[in-house]
Structure formats: C-alpha cells, structure tokens
Amino acid sequence: MPRKRHQTDSFQSDVYPAAASSESSLSASEFFTGKTAPCKLTPVLSRSESAPVPRPASPISESPVVLTPPAQVDDEGKATASEAEVNRLNSELRAAREKIRNMELRVEGLKRV
C-alpha cells in the first residue's frame, strides 16, 4: 500500500484487520448445548504495543469430565446414534481410568518391595 516515506517507518494499524482472539466466545457447556456465537476479535498491535499473553485463571481440573450432549431423539422417541456414541466413549473412558488406577496401585506395590 503506497504511503509517504515518514509513515512507512512506523506500524500502520489501519492496514491489518482484527484477528481472532485467544479468548473463547463460548464456554464448553454452552458449546455442547448447541449455542453459537461469533468469534471474538482483537486488534493487531505493533510489537511495542503488544499486550502480554493471558494465562488461564486456574489450573486445569483433574476431575473427570463426562460429556452430556443435548438429548437427541428420532421421530419414534429413540436415542440417536450420536448419543449412543457418547455413551460408548464414556464407558471406554471409565474402563481406561480403572485400568490406569489398577496399574498405579501395582507400581506402588512394587516400589514397597
């Protein structure tokens, strides 16, 4: 974009459109209930104006997360394939967590010997 010489030496914010923000527009529960929202935008800043990268407010929880999508039924009132898939995956996850816990207990037992 042609500019006068003295203006090209500095950052020109009008040339760059706003970019997608690192902050989400929806919470996970809102997303899984089917809500939609436009992407949050942030202006592009020069290096001297740039803000520090935001950090999460709290550490990631180690509690188990079980996804529960909105109830979806067909015309006859039966659960849809996606709900069946979520149930299957949740059961696999429970089995995997149980197997991991058993292995952790075995390792602890071997350390004591």
PDB file of N, CA and C in Angstrom:
ATOM      1  N   MET A   1       0.845  -1.156   0.000  1.00  0.00           N
ATOM      2  CA  MET A   1       0.000   0.000   0.000  1.00  0.00           C
ATOM      3  C   MET A   1       0.904   1.236   0.000  1.00  0.00           C
ATOM      4  N   PRO A   2       0.756   2.104  -0.962  1.00  0.00           N
ATOM      5  CA  PRO A   2       1.619   3.285  -1.015  1.00  0.00           C
ATOM      6  C   PRO A   2       1.363   4.233   0.165  1.00  0.00           C
ATOM      7  N   ARG A   3       2.440   4.676   0.801  1.00  0.00           N
ATOM      8  CA  ARG A   3       2.375   5.630   1.915  1.00  0.00           C
ATOM      9  C   ARG A   3       3.525   6.600   1.771  1.00  0.00           C
ATOM     10  N   LYS A   4       3.387   7.717   2.429  1.00  0.00           N
ATOM     11  CA  LYS A   4       4.504   8.662   2.440  1.00  0.00           C
ATOM     12  C   LYS A   4       5.655   8.037   3.225  1.00  0.00           C
ATOM     13  N   ARG A   5       6.852   8.398   2.893  1.00  0.00           N
ATOM     14  CA  ARG A   5       8.054   7.785   3.467  1.00  0.00           C
ATOM     15  C   ARG A   5       8.054   7.827   4.994  1.00  0.00           C
ATOM     16  N   HIS A   6       7.747   8.939   5.601  1.00  0.00           N
ATOM     17  CA  HIS A   6       7.821   9.040   7.063  1.00  0.00           C
ATOM     18  C   HIS A   6       6.770   8.190   7.757  1.00  0.00           C
ATOM     19  N   GLN A   7       5.686   7.836   7.080  1.00  0.00           N
ATOM     20  CA  GLN A   7       4.660   7.000   7.691  1.00  0.00           C
ATOM     21  C   GLN A   7       4.993   5.515   7.592  1.00  0.00           C
ATOM     22  N   THR A   8       5.786   5.110   6.638  1.00  0.00           N
ATOM     23  CA  THR A   8       6.091   3.689   6.461  1.00  0.00           C
ATOM     24  C   THR A   8       7.083   3.164   7.480  1.00  0.00           C
ATOM     25  N   ASP A   9       7.745   4.053   8.197  1.00  0.00           N
ATOM     26  CA  ASP A   9       8.706   3.615   9.202  1.00  0.00           C
ATOM     27  C   ASP A   9       8.028   3.150  10.488  1.00  0.00           C
ATOM     28  N   SER A  10       6.759   3.437  10.644  1.00  0.00           N
ATOM     29  CA  SER A  10       6.050   3.037  11.859  1.00  0.00           C
ATOM     30  C   SER A  10       4.955   2.028  11.528  1.00  0.00           C
ATOM     31  N   PHE A  11       4.458   1.382  12.556  1.00  0.00           N
ATOM     32  CA  PHE A  11       3.396   0.389  12.398  1.00  0.00           C
ATOM     33  C   PHE A  11       2.116   1.081  11.945  1.00  0.00           C
ATOM     34  N   GLN A  12       1.434   0.486  10.974  1.00  0.00           N
ATOM     35  CA  GLN A  12       0.208   1.076  10.432  1.00  0.00           C
ATOM     36  C   GLN A  12      -0.965   0.144  10.726  1.00  0.00           C
ATOM     37  N   SER A  13      -1.650   0.396  11.811  1.00  0.00           N
ATOM     38  CA  SER A  13      -2.712  -0.496  12.254  1.00  0.00           C
ATOM     39  C   SER A  13      -3.901  -0.531  11.298  1.00  0.00           C
ATOM     40  N   ASP A  14      -4.095   0.495  10.498  1.00  0.00           N
ATOM     41  CA  ASP A  14      -5.233   0.502   9.575  1.00  0.00           C
ATOM     42  C   ASP A  14      -5.062  -0.491   8.430  1.00  0.00           C
ATOM     43  N   VAL A  15      -3.856  -0.996   8.226  1.00  0.00           N
ATOM     44  CA  VAL A  15      -3.598  -1.943   7.144  1.00  0.00           C
ATOM     45  C   VAL A  15      -4.022  -3.362   7.540  1.00  0.00           C
ATOM     46  N   TYR A  16      -3.971  -3.665   8.846  1.00  0.00           N
ATOM     47  CA  TYR A  16      -4.225  -5.021   9.321  1.00  0.00           C
ATOM     48  C   TYR A  16      -5.618  -5.135   9.933  1.00  0.00           C
ATOM     49  N   PRO A  17      -6.424  -6.103   9.486  1.00  0.00           N
ATOM     50  CA  PRO A  17      -7.753  -6.290  10.085  1.00  0.00           C
ATOM     51  C   PRO A  17      -7.626  -6.937  11.464  1.00  0.00           C
ATOM     52  N   ALA A  18      -8.680  -6.859  12.241  1.00  0.00           N
ATOM     53  CA  ALA A  18      -8.686  -7.511  13.557  1.00  0.00           C
ATOM     54  C   ALA A  18      -8.516  -9.019  13.373  1.00  0.00           C
ATOM     55  N   ALA A  19      -7.842  -9.634  14.315  1.00  0.00           N
ATOM     56  CA  ALA A  19      -7.575 -11.074  14.256  1.00  0.00           C
ATOM     57  C   ALA A  19      -8.403 -11.791  15.314  1.00  0.00           C
ATOM     58  N   ALA A  20      -8.527 -13.097  15.150  1.00  0.00           N
ATOM     59  CA  ALA A  20      -9.257 -13.906  16.135  1.00  0.00           C
ATOM     60  C   ALA A  20      -8.540 -13.833  17.477  1.00  0.00           C
ATOM     61  N   SER A  21      -9.301 -13.663  18.535  1.00  0.00           N
ATOM     62  CA  SER A  21      -8.756 -13.557  19.883  1.00  0.00           C
ATOM     63  C   SER A  21      -8.458 -14.941  20.443  1.00  0.00           C
ATOM     64  N   SER A  22      -7.564 -15.020  21.419  1.00  0.00           N
ATOM     65  CA  SER A  22      -7.289 -16.293  22.092  1.00  0.00           C
ATOM     66  C   SER A  22      -8.361 -16.585  23.139  1.00  0.00           C
ATOM     67  N   GLU A  23      -9.215 -15.617  23.415  1.00  0.00           N
ATOM     68  CA  GLU A  23     -10.308 -15.787  24.376  1.00  0.00           C
ATOM     69  C   GLU A  23     -11.507 -16.404  23.669  1.00  0.00           C
ATOM     70  N   SER A  24     -12.073 -17.449  24.245  1.00  0.00           N
ATOM     71  CA  SER A  24     -13.190 -18.132  23.596  1.00  0.00           C
ATOM     72  C   SER A  24     -14.477 -17.326  23.706  1.00  0.00           C
ATOM     73  N   SER A  25     -15.346 -17.517  22.735  1.00  0.00           N
ATOM     74  CA  SER A  25     -16.632 -16.828  22.722  1.00  0.00           C
ATOM     75  C   SER A  25     -17.671 -17.549  23.566  1.00  0.00           C
ATOM     76  N   LEU A  26     -17.496 -18.859  23.746  1.00  0.00           N
ATOM     77  CA  LEU A  26     -18.449 -19.681  24.487  1.00  0.00           C
ATOM     78  C   LEU A  26     -17.733 -20.549  25.506  1.00  0.00           C
ATOM     79  N   SER A  27     -18.446 -20.905  26.552  1.00  0.00           N
ATOM     80  CA  SER A  27     -17.894 -21.890  27.478  1.00  0.00           C
ATOM     81  C   SER A  27     -18.125 -23.270  26.878  1.00  0.00           C
ATOM     82  N   ALA A  28     -17.477 -24.278  27.425  1.00  0.00           N
ATOM     83  CA  ALA A  28     -17.645 -25.638  26.909  1.00  0.00           C
ATOM     84  C   ALA A  28     -19.092 -26.091  27.026  1.00  0.00           C
ATOM     85  N   SER A  29     -19.727 -25.798  28.150  1.00  0.00           N
ATOM     86  CA  SER A  29     -21.121 -26.231  28.320  1.00  0.00           C
ATOM     87  C   SER A  29     -22.040 -25.527  27.329  1.00  0.00           C
ATOM     88  N   GLU A  30     -21.793 -24.253  27.055  1.00  0.00           N
ATOM     89  CA  GLU A  30     -22.604 -23.545  26.062  1.00  0.00           C
ATOM     90  C   GLU A  30     -22.422 -24.170  24.682  1.00  0.00           C
ATOM     91  N   PHE A  31     -21.170 -24.511  24.341  1.00  0.00           N
ATOM     92  CA  PHE A  31     -20.884 -25.113  23.040  1.00  0.00           C
ATOM     93  C   PHE A  31     -21.611 -26.445  22.889  1.00  0.00           C
ATOM     94  N   PHE A  32     -21.542 -27.298  23.932  1.00  0.00           N
ATOM     95  CA  PHE A  32     -22.145 -28.626  23.837  1.00  0.00           C
ATOM     96  C   PHE A  32     -23.668 -28.597  23.901  1.00  0.00           C
ATOM     97  N   THR A  33     -24.237 -27.478  24.332  1.00  0.00           N
ATOM     98  CA  THR A  33     -25.699 -27.369  24.281  1.00  0.00           C
ATOM     99  C   THR A  33     -26.163 -26.845  22.928  1.00  0.00           C
ATOM    100  N   GLY A  34     -25.217 -26.551  22.040  1.00  0.00           N
ATOM    101  CA  GLY A  34     -25.572 -26.146  20.682  1.00  0.00           C
ATOM    102  C   GLY A  34     -25.597 -24.644  20.462  1.00  0.00           C
ATOM    103  N   LYS A  35     -25.227 -23.855  21.445  1.00  0.00           N
ATOM    104  CA  LYS A  35     -25.229 -22.401  21.298  1.00  0.00           C
ATOM    105  C   LYS A  35     -24.130 -21.985  20.321  1.00  0.00           C
ATOM    106  N   THR A  36     -24.357 -20.928  19.573  1.00  0.00           N
ATOM    107  CA  THR A  36     -23.339 -20.397  18.668  1.00  0.00           C
ATOM    108  C   THR A  36     -23.100 -18.932  18.998  1.00  0.00           C
ATOM    109  N   ALA A  37     -21.907 -18.460  18.698  1.00  0.00           N
ATOM    110  CA  ALA A  37     -21.553 -17.060  18.923  1.00  0.00           C
ATOM    111  C   ALA A  37     -20.438 -16.695  17.954  1.00  0.00           C
ATOM    112  N   PRO A  38     -20.380 -15.435  17.531  1.00  0.00           N
ATOM    113  CA  PRO A  38     -19.299 -15.024  16.638  1.00  0.00           C
ATOM    114  C   PRO A  38     -17.962 -15.045  17.380  1.00  0.00           C
ATOM    115  N   CYS A  39     -16.911 -15.241  16.629  1.00  0.00           N
ATOM    116  CA  CYS A  39     -15.553 -15.280  17.180  1.00  0.00           C
ATOM    117  C   CYS A  39     -15.195 -13.905  17.747  1.00  0.00           C
ATOM    118  N   LYS A  40     -14.560 -13.879  18.920  1.00  0.00           N
ATOM    119  CA  LYS A  40     -14.101 -12.608  19.483  1.00  0.00           C
ATOM    120  C   LYS A  40     -12.882 -12.144  18.691  1.00  0.00           C
ATOM    121  N   LEU A  41     -12.827 -10.859  18.412  1.00  0.00           N
ATOM    122  CA  LEU A  41     -11.720 -10.296  17.639  1.00  0.00           C
ATOM    123  C   LEU A  41     -10.880  -9.378  18.506  1.00  0.00           C
ATOM    124  N   THR A  42      -9.625  -9.259  18.142  1.00  0.00           N
ATOM    125  CA  THR A  42      -8.711  -8.367  18.839  1.00  0.00           C
ATOM    126  C   THR A  42      -7.913  -7.593  17.797  1.00  0.00           C
ATOM    127  N   PRO A  43      -7.612  -6.329  18.043  1.00  0.00           N
ATOM    128  CA  PRO A  43      -6.838  -5.566  17.052  1.00  0.00           C
ATOM    129  C   PRO A  43      -5.397  -6.057  16.987  1.00  0.00           C
ATOM    130  N   VAL A  44      -4.805  -5.932  15.820  1.00  0.00           N
ATOM    131  CA  VAL A  44      -3.401  -6.273  15.656  1.00  0.00           C
ATOM    132  C   VAL A  44      -2.591  -5.084  16.161  1.00  0.00           C
ATOM    133  N   LEU A  45      -1.637  -5.356  17.047  1.00  0.00           N
ATOM    134  CA  LEU A  45      -0.831  -4.291  17.634  1.00  0.00           C
ATOM    135  C   LEU A  45       0.601  -4.390  17.161  1.00  0.00           C
ATOM    136  N   SER A  46       1.296  -3.265  17.224  1.00  0.00           N
ATOM    137  CA  SER A  46       2.721  -3.297  16.904  1.00  0.00           C
ATOM    138  C   SER A  46       3.445  -4.011  18.037  1.00  0.00           C
ATOM    139  N   ARG A  47       4.673  -4.379  17.837  1.00  0.00           N
ATOM    140  CA  ARG A  47       5.436  -5.085  18.883  1.00  0.00           C
ATOM    141  C   ARG A  47       5.555  -4.243  20.144  1.00  0.00           C
ATOM    142  N   SER A  48       5.697  -2.937  19.988  1.00  0.00           N
ATOM    143  CA  SER A  48       5.847  -2.078  21.163  1.00  0.00           C
ATOM    144  C   SER A  48       4.532  -1.931  21.924  1.00  0.00           C
ATOM    145  N   GLU A  49       3.392  -2.149  21.259  1.00  0.00           N
ATOM    146  CA  GLU A  49       2.083  -2.015  21.896  1.00  0.00           C
ATOM    147  C   GLU A  49       1.520  -3.341  22.376  1.00  0.00           C
ATOM    148  N   SER A  50       2.150  -4.444  22.012  1.00  0.00           N
ATOM    149  CA  SER A  50       1.545  -5.746  22.270  1.00  0.00           C
ATOM    150  C   SER A  50       1.366  -5.993  23.758  1.00  0.00           C
ATOM    151  N   ALA A  51       0.245  -6.605  24.068  1.00  0.00           N
ATOM    152  CA  ALA A  51      -0.098  -6.937  25.452  1.00  0.00           C
ATOM    153  C   ALA A  51       0.458  -8.320  25.777  1.00  0.00           C
ATOM    154  N   PRO A  52       0.693  -8.602  27.065  1.00  0.00           N
ATOM    155  CA  PRO A  52       1.169  -9.943  27.425  1.00  0.00           C
ATOM    156  C   PRO A  52       0.092 -10.984  27.129  1.00  0.00           C
ATOM    157  N   VAL A  53       0.539 -12.191  26.890  1.00  0.00           N
ATOM    158  CA  VAL A  53      -0.383 -13.284  26.589  1.00  0.00           C
ATOM    159  C   VAL A  53      -1.129 -13.647  27.866  1.00  0.00           C
ATOM    160  N   PRO A  54      -2.473 -13.678  27.830  1.00  0.00           N
ATOM    161  CA  PRO A  54      -3.224 -14.010  29.045  1.00  0.00           C
ATOM    162  C   PRO A  54      -3.021 -15.466  29.443  1.00  0.00           C
ATOM    163  N   ARG A  55      -2.961 -15.722  30.725  1.00  0.00           N
ATOM    164  CA  ARG A  55      -2.808 -17.068  31.274  1.00  0.00           C
ATOM    165  C   ARG A  55      -4.151 -17.515  31.842  1.00  0.00           C
ATOM    166  N   PRO A  56      -4.401 -18.818  31.885  1.00  0.00           N
ATOM    167  CA  PRO A  56      -5.645 -19.293  32.481  1.00  0.00           C
ATOM    168  C   PRO A  56      -5.740 -18.861  33.937  1.00  0.00           C
ATOM    169  N   ALA A  57      -6.948 -18.562  34.389  1.00  0.00           N
ATOM    170  CA  ALA A  57      -7.157 -18.091  35.753  1.00  0.00           C
ATOM    171  C   ALA A  57      -6.867 -19.174  36.780  1.00  0.00           C
ATOM    172  N   SER A  58      -7.163 -20.417  36.462  1.00  0.00           N
ATOM    173  CA  SER A  58      -6.926 -21.502  37.404  1.00  0.00           C
ATOM    174  C   SER A  58      -6.362 -22.706  36.661  1.00  0.00           C
ATOM    175  N   PRO A  59      -5.648 -23.576  37.378  1.00  0.00           N
ATOM    176  CA  PRO A  59      -5.114 -24.764  36.707  1.00  0.00           C
ATOM    177  C   PRO A  59      -6.236 -25.667  36.223  1.00  0.00           C
ATOM    178  N   ILE A  60      -5.907 -26.500  35.283  1.00  0.00           N
ATOM    179  CA  ILE A  60      -6.889 -27.428  34.726  1.00  0.00           C
ATOM    180  C   ILE A  60      -7.310 -28.413  35.806  1.00  0.00           C
ATOM    181  N   SER A  61      -8.587 -28.608  35.914  1.00  0.00           N
ATOM    182  CA  SER A  61      -9.127 -29.528  36.912  1.00  0.00           C
ATOM    183  C   SER A  61      -8.810 -30.964  36.525  1.00  0.00           C
ATOM    184  N   GLU A  62      -8.486 -31.774  37.515  1.00  0.00           N
ATOM    185  CA  GLU A  62      -8.212 -33.179  37.245  1.00  0.00           C
ATOM    186  C   GLU A  62      -9.440 -34.045  37.468  1.00  0.00           C
ATOM    187  N   SER A  63     -10.573 -33.412  37.760  1.00  0.00           N
ATOM    188  CA  SER A  63     -11.783 -34.199  37.951  1.00  0.00           C
ATOM    189  C   SER A  63     -12.265 -34.731  36.609  1.00  0.00           C
ATOM    190  N   PRO A  64     -12.859 -35.912  36.605  1.00  0.00           N
ATOM    191  CA  PRO A  64     -13.300 -36.491  35.342  1.00  0.00           C
ATOM    192  C   PRO A  64     -14.394 -35.651  34.696  1.00  0.00           C
ATOM    193  N   VAL A  65     -14.329 -35.556  33.394  1.00  0.00           N
ATOM    194  CA  VAL A  65     -15.321 -34.811  32.637  1.00  0.00           C
ATOM    195  C   VAL A  65     -16.133 -35.813  31.832  1.00  0.00           C
ATOM    196  N   VAL A  66     -17.427 -35.761  31.991  1.00  0.00           N
ATOM    197  CA  VAL A  66     -18.311 -36.627  31.228  1.00  0.00           C
ATOM    198  C   VAL A  66     -19.158 -35.735  30.338  1.00  0.00           C
ATOM    199  N   LEU A  67     -19.034 -35.937  29.036  1.00  0.00           N
ATOM    200  CA  LEU A  67     -19.791 -35.127  28.097  1.00  0.00           C
ATOM    201  C   LEU A  67     -21.236 -35.586  28.056  1.00  0.00           C
ATOM    202  N   THR A  68     -22.136 -34.636  28.142  1.00  0.00           N
ATOM    203  CA  THR A  68     -23.552 -34.949  28.029  1.00  0.00           C
ATOM    204  C   THR A  68     -24.160 -34.024  26.990  1.00  0.00           C
ATOM    205  N   PRO A  69     -24.291 -34.502  25.764  1.00  0.00           N
ATOM    206  CA  PRO A  69     -24.859 -33.668  24.714  1.00  0.00           C
ATOM    207  C   PRO A  69     -26.350 -33.472  24.941  1.00  0.00           C
ATOM    208  N   PRO A  70     -26.936 -32.488  24.268  1.00  0.00           N
ATOM    209  CA  PRO A  70     -28.379 -32.326  24.403  1.00  0.00           C
ATOM    210  C   PRO A  70     -29.090 -33.586  23.934  1.00  0.00           C
ATOM    211  N   ALA A  71     -30.194 -33.892  24.573  1.00  0.00           N
ATOM    212  CA  ALA A  71     -30.935 -35.093  24.211  1.00  0.00           C
ATOM    213  C   ALA A  71     -31.410 -35.004  22.767  1.00  0.00           C
ATOM    214  N   GLN A  72     -31.086 -36.013  22.001  1.00  0.00           N
ATOM    215  CA  GLN A  72     -31.490 -36.050  20.601  1.00  0.00           C
ATOM    216  C   GLN A  72     -32.252 -37.345  20.378  1.00  0.00           C
ATOM    217  N   VAL A  73     -33.476 -37.221  19.969  1.00  0.00           N
ATOM    218  CA  VAL A  73     -34.280 -38.400  19.713  1.00  0.00           C
ATOM    219  C   VAL A  73     -34.849 -38.328  18.306  1.00  0.00           C
ATOM    220  N   ASP A  74     -35.113 -39.491  17.750  1.00  0.00           N
ATOM    221  CA  ASP A  74     -35.707 -39.527  16.415  1.00  0.00           C
ATOM    222  C   ASP A  74     -37.227 -39.418  16.529  1.00  0.00           C
ATOM    223  N   ASP A  75     -37.913 -39.592  15.440  1.00  0.00           N
ATOM    224  CA  ASP A  75     -39.365 -39.441  15.412  1.00  0.00           C
ATOM    225  C   ASP A  75     -40.092 -40.421  16.320  1.00  0.00           C
ATOM    226  N   GLU A  76     -39.474 -41.556  16.599  1.00  0.00           N
ATOM    227  CA  GLU A  76     -40.110 -42.579  17.432  1.00  0.00           C
ATOM    228  C   GLU A  76     -39.700 -42.467  18.898  1.00  0.00           C
ATOM    229  N   GLY A  77     -38.935 -41.443  19.253  1.00  0.00           N
ATOM    230  CA  GLY A  77     -38.515 -41.236  20.633  1.00  0.00           C
ATOM    231  C   GLY A  77     -37.312 -42.044  21.053  1.00  0.00           C
ATOM    232  N   LYS A  78     -36.580 -42.640  20.099  1.00  0.00           N
ATOM    233  CA  LYS A  78     -35.390 -43.434  20.411  1.00  0.00           C
ATOM    234  C   LYS A  78     -34.154 -42.539  20.379  1.00  0.00           C
ATOM    235  N   ALA A  79     -33.141 -42.901  21.181  1.00  0.00           N
ATOM    236  CA  ALA A  79     -31.887 -42.145  21.213  1.00  0.00           C
ATOM    237  C   ALA A  79     -31.195 -42.230  19.859  1.00  0.00           C
ATOM    238  N   THR A  80     -30.543 -41.150  19.458  1.00  0.00           N
ATOM    239  CA  THR A  80     -29.865 -41.130  18.168  1.00  0.00           C
ATOM    240  C   THR A  80     -28.483 -41.774  18.263  1.00  0.00           C
ATOM    241  N   ALA A  81     -27.871 -41.954  17.117  1.00  0.00           N
ATOM    242  CA  ALA A  81     -26.550 -42.596  17.047  1.00  0.00           C
ATOM    243  C   ALA A  81     -25.497 -41.771  17.781  1.00  0.00           C
ATOM    244  N   SER A  82     -25.590 -40.440  17.739  1.00  0.00           N
ATOM    245  CA  SER A  82     -24.577 -39.623  18.409  1.00  0.00           C
ATOM    246  C   SER A  82     -24.638 -39.809  19.921  1.00  0.00           C
ATOM    247  N   GLU A  83     -25.832 -39.934  20.476  1.00  0.00           N
ATOM    248  CA  GLU A  83     -25.955 -40.165  21.913  1.00  0.00           C
ATOM    249  C   GLU A  83     -25.398 -41.543  22.280  1.00  0.00           C
ATOM    250  N   ALA A  84     -25.651 -42.525  21.448  1.00  0.00           N
ATOM    251  CA  ALA A  84     -25.107 -43.865  21.680  1.00  0.00           C
ATOM    252  C   ALA A  84     -23.586 -43.842  21.616  1.00  0.00           C
ATOM    253  N   GLU A  85     -23.030 -43.077  20.704  1.00  0.00           N
ATOM    254  CA  GLU A  85     -21.571 -42.954  20.581  1.00  0.00           C
ATOM    255  C   GLU A  85     -20.978 -42.304  21.824  1.00  0.00           C
ATOM    256  N   VAL A  86     -21.615 -41.253  22.329  1.00  0.00           N
ATOM    257  CA  VAL A  86     -21.132 -40.595  23.554  1.00  0.00           C
ATOM    258  C   VAL A  86     -21.168 -41.568  24.716  1.00  0.00           C
ATOM    259  N   ASN A  87     -22.226 -42.344  24.833  1.00  0.00           N
ATOM    260  CA  ASN A  87     -22.327 -43.332  25.909  1.00  0.00           C
ATOM    261  C   ASN A  87     -21.220 -44.381  25.788  1.00  0.00           C
ATOM    262  N   ARG A  88     -20.952 -44.839  24.568  1.00  0.00           N
ATOM    263  CA  ARG A  88     -19.897 -45.830  24.353  1.00  0.00           C
ATOM    264  C   ARG A  88     -18.535 -45.251  24.743  1.00  0.00           C
ATOM    265  N   LEU A  89     -18.267 -44.008  24.334  1.00  0.00           N
ATOM    266  CA  LEU A  89     -16.982 -43.377  24.653  1.00  0.00           C
ATOM    267  C   LEU A  89     -16.832 -43.133  26.154  1.00  0.00           C
ATOM    268  N   ASN A  90     -17.911 -42.729  26.825  1.00  0.00           N
ATOM    269  CA  ASN A  90     -17.845 -42.545  28.276  1.00  0.00           C
ATOM    270  C   ASN A  90     -17.559 -43.865  28.983  1.00  0.00           C
ATOM    271  N   SER A  91     -18.122 -44.950  28.504  1.00  0.00           N
ATOM    272  CA  SER A  91     -17.857 -46.245  29.118  1.00  0.00           C
ATOM    273  C   SER A  91     -16.413 -46.678  28.871  1.00  0.00           C
ATOM    274  N   GLU A  92     -15.887 -46.424  27.683  1.00  0.00           N
ATOM    275  CA  GLU A  92     -14.469 -46.717  27.403  1.00  0.00           C
ATOM    276  C   GLU A  92     -13.562 -45.900  28.313  1.00  0.00           C
ATOM    277  N   LEU A  93     -13.914 -44.642  28.511  1.00  0.00           N
ATOM    278  CA  LEU A  93     -13.118 -43.762  29.363  1.00  0.00           C
ATOM    279  C   LEU A  93     -13.111 -44.264  30.805  1.00  0.00           C
ATOM    280  N   ARG A  94     -14.273 -44.677  31.317  1.00  0.00           N
ATOM    281  CA  ARG A  94     -14.333 -45.232  32.674  1.00  0.00           C
ATOM    282  C   ARG A  94     -13.458 -46.476  32.800  1.00  0.00           C
ATOM    283  N   ALA A  95     -13.514 -47.357  31.805  1.00  0.00           N
ATOM    284  CA  ALA A  95     -12.709 -48.581  31.833  1.00  0.00           C
ATOM    285  C   ALA A  95     -11.220 -48.262  31.790  1.00  0.00           C
ATOM    286  N   ALA A  96     -10.846 -47.297  30.966  1.00  0.00           N
ATOM    287  CA  ALA A  96      -9.428 -46.919  30.862  1.00  0.00           C
ATOM    288  C   ALA A  96      -8.937 -46.316  32.176  1.00  0.00           C
ATOM    289  N   ARG A  97      -9.759 -45.478  32.803  1.00  0.00           N
ATOM    290  CA  ARG A  97      -9.361 -44.875  34.091  1.00  0.00           C
ATOM    291  C   ARG A  97      -9.204 -45.948  35.162  1.00  0.00           C
ATOM    292  N   GLU A  98     -10.087 -46.942  35.165  1.00  0.00           N
ATOM    293  CA  GLU A  98      -9.989 -48.036  36.135  1.00  0.00           C
ATOM    294  C   GLU A  98      -8.701 -48.840  35.907  1.00  0.00           C
ATOM    295  N   LYS A  99      -8.382 -49.109  34.642  1.00  0.00           N
ATOM    296  CA  LYS A  99      -7.162 -49.848  34.310  1.00  0.00           C
ATOM    297  C   LYS A  99      -5.921 -49.061  34.740  1.00  0.00           C
ATOM    298  N   ILE A 100      -5.923 -47.760  34.502  1.00  0.00           N
ATOM    299  CA  ILE A 100      -4.781 -46.914  34.905  1.00  0.00           C
ATOM    300  C   ILE A 100      -4.618 -46.950  36.415  1.00  0.00           C
ATOM    301  N   ARG A 101      -5.740 -46.829  37.149  1.00  0.00           N
ATOM    302  CA  ARG A 101      -5.677 -46.842  38.603  1.00  0.00           C
ATOM    303  C   ARG A 101      -5.116 -48.170  39.120  1.00  0.00           C
ATOM    304  N   ASN A 102      -5.539 -49.277  38.536  1.00  0.00           N
ATOM    305  CA  ASN A 102      -5.015 -50.589  38.936  1.00  0.00           C
ATOM    306  C   ASN A 102      -3.520 -50.690  38.673  1.00  0.00           C
ATOM    307  N   MET A 103      -3.066 -50.162  37.538  1.00  0.00           N
ATOM    308  CA  MET A 103      -1.633 -50.186  37.226  1.00  0.00           C
ATOM    309  C   MET A 103      -0.851 -49.317  38.206  1.00  0.00           C
ATOM    310  N   GLU A 104      -1.418 -48.159  38.570  1.00  0.00           N
ATOM    311  CA  GLU A 104      -0.752 -47.293  39.545  1.00  0.00           C
ATOM    312  C   GLU A 104      -0.612 -48.004  40.888  1.00  0.00           C
ATOM    313  N   LEU A 105      -1.635 -48.731  41.299  1.00  0.00           N
ATOM    314  CA  LEU A 105      -1.568 -49.476  42.558  1.00  0.00           C
ATOM    315  C   LEU A 105      -0.511 -50.577  42.491  1.00  0.00           C
ATOM    316  N   ARG A 106      -0.401 -51.250  41.353  1.00  0.00           N
ATOM    317  CA  ARG A 106       0.622 -52.296  41.189  1.00  0.00           C
ATOM    318  C   ARG A 106       2.021 -51.690  41.261  1.00  0.00           C
ATOM    319  N   VAL A 107       2.218 -50.541  40.627  1.00  0.00           N
ATOM    320  CA  VAL A 107       3.533 -49.871  40.666  1.00  0.00           C
ATOM    321  C   VAL A 107       3.876 -49.483  42.101  1.00  0.00           C
ATOM    322  N   GLU A 108       2.892 -48.945  42.840  1.00  0.00           N
ATOM    323  CA  GLU A 108       3.130 -48.585  44.236  1.00  0.00           C
ATOM    324  C   GLU A 108       3.522 -49.812  45.054  1.00  0.00           C
ATOM    325  N   GLY A 109       2.861 -50.943  44.786  1.00  0.00           N
ATOM    326  CA  GLY A 109       3.184 -52.182  45.492  1.00  0.00           C
ATOM    327  C   GLY A 109       4.594 -52.660  45.180  1.00  0.00           C
ATOM    328  N   LEU A 110       5.042 -52.504  43.933  1.00  0.00           N
ATOM    329  CA  LEU A 110       6.393 -52.920  43.543  1.00  0.00           C
ATOM    330  C   LEU A 110       7.449 -52.007  44.154  1.00  0.00           C
ATOM    331  N   LYS A 111       7.125 -50.743  44.355  1.00  0.00           N
ATOM    332  CA  LYS A 111       8.085 -49.804  44.959  1.00  0.00           C
ATOM    333  C   LYS A 111       8.348 -50.158  46.417  1.00  0.00           C
ATOM    334  N   ARG A 112       7.343 -50.724  47.077  1.00  0.00           N
ATOM    335  CA  ARG A 112       7.487 -51.065  48.507  1.00  0.00           C
ATOM    336  C   ARG A 112       8.338 -52.295  48.728  1.00  0.00           C
ATOM    337  N   VAL A 113       8.464 -53.147  47.724  1.00  0.00           N
ATOM    338  CA  VAL A 113       9.200 -54.395  47.871  1.00  0.00           C
ATOM    339  C   VAL A 113      10.674 -54.169  47.815  1.00  0.00           C
TER     340      VAL A 113
END
